[in-house]
Amino acid sequence: MQKASEAPSTITLLDISLNGADGRDICKKIKEAEDTKHIPVILFSANAQMQTYVYDCGAATFIAKPFDLLHLLTTI
């Protein structure tokens, strides 16, 4: 897996529930790093209650799954 700083992007889409990891922890690391803190992170999850906890890690917003593609594009 590449580090966020090695794969420059203008936005990061990140699921909260990852195999062996929590997307909120990854988001927090992205936001703490000087070279990646400017990158907006959109977190998503099938558990809509997760929305309550996503902003503590610095995420720009949250999208509940399943989501409409148009909603995702509008958010981006």
Protein backbone atom coordinates (compact mmCIF):
# COMPACT_ATOMS: atom_id res chain seq x y z
CA MET A 1 0.00 0.00 0.00
CA GLN A 2 1.35 3.40 -0.93
CA LYS A 3 1.58 6.17 1.61
CA ALA A 4 -0.76 9.10 0.98
CA SER A 5 2.21 11.44 0.57
CA GLU A 6 3.64 9.23 -2.20
CA ALA A 7 0.42 9.23 -4.22
CA PRO A 8 -0.62 12.86 -4.53
CA SER A 9 -4.35 13.43 -4.83
CA THR A 10 -6.84 16.24 -4.59
CA ILE A 11 -9.35 14.21 -2.55
CA THR A 12 -9.44 10.91 -0.67
CA LEU A 13 -12.45 8.58 -0.49
CA LEU A 14 -12.11 6.24 2.45
CA ASP A 15 -14.36 3.54 3.88
CA ILE A 16 -14.49 3.42 7.68
CA SER A 17 -14.60 -0.38 7.87
CA LEU A 18 -11.46 -1.78 6.32
CA ASN A 19 -9.97 -5.23 6.65
CA GLY A 20 -7.85 -4.88 9.78
CA ALA A 21 -7.99 -1.08 9.91
CA ASP A 22 -10.31 1.80 10.74
CA GLY A 23 -10.68 4.48 8.08
CA ARG A 24 -11.04 7.13 10.81
CA ASP A 25 -7.53 6.31 12.05
CA ILE A 26 -6.14 6.59 8.53
CA CYS A 27 -7.98 9.89 8.05
CA LYS A 28 -6.49 11.24 11.26
CA LYS A 29 -2.98 10.32 10.08
CA ILE A 30 -3.61 12.02 6.72
CA LYS A 31 -4.78 15.17 8.51
CA GLU A 32 -1.85 15.18 10.95
CA ALA A 33 0.84 14.93 8.26
CA GLU A 34 2.10 18.28 7.02
CA ASP A 35 2.30 17.17 3.38
CA THR A 36 -1.22 15.68 3.25
CA LYS A 37 -3.30 17.69 5.73
CA HIS A 38 -4.72 19.86 2.93
CA ILE A 39 -6.33 16.87 1.17
CA PRO A 40 -10.08 16.60 1.89
CA VAL A 41 -11.20 13.18 3.08
CA ILE A 42 -14.70 11.83 2.47
CA LEU A 43 -15.50 8.90 4.73
CA PHE A 44 -18.26 6.43 3.99
CA SER A 45 -19.82 3.46 5.73
CA ALA A 46 -22.83 1.16 5.59
CA ASN A 47 -23.39 2.05 9.24
CA ALA A 48 -25.08 5.47 9.07
CA GLN A 49 -24.54 5.97 12.82
CA MET A 50 -20.81 6.35 12.12
CA GLN A 51 -21.54 9.87 10.88
CA THR A 52 -21.50 10.99 14.51
CA TYR A 53 -17.83 10.04 14.86
CA VAL A 54 -16.23 10.99 11.55
CA TYR A 55 -15.57 14.68 12.06
CA ASP A 56 -13.30 14.07 15.08
CA CYS A 57 -10.67 12.70 12.71
CA GLY A 58 -10.77 15.73 10.40
CA ALA A 59 -12.92 14.31 7.60
CA ALA A 60 -14.59 16.83 5.31
CA THR A 61 -17.86 14.89 5.21
CA PHE A 62 -19.55 11.50 5.48
CA ILE A 63 -21.65 9.54 3.00
CA ALA A 64 -23.79 6.58 4.08
CA LYS A 65 -23.76 3.45 1.91
CA PRO A 66 -25.41 2.52 -0.27
CA PHE A 67 -25.12 5.88 -1.95
CA ASP A 68 -26.27 7.26 -5.24
CA LEU A 69 -23.45 8.00 -7.67
CA LEU A 70 -24.87 11.46 -8.38
CA HIS A 71 -24.81 12.22 -4.64
CA LEU A 72 -21.14 11.18 -4.47
CA LEU A 73 -20.24 13.31 -7.49
CA THR A 74 -22.12 16.30 -6.08
CA THR A 75 -20.31 15.93 -2.77
CA ILE A 76 -16.92 15.76 -4.46
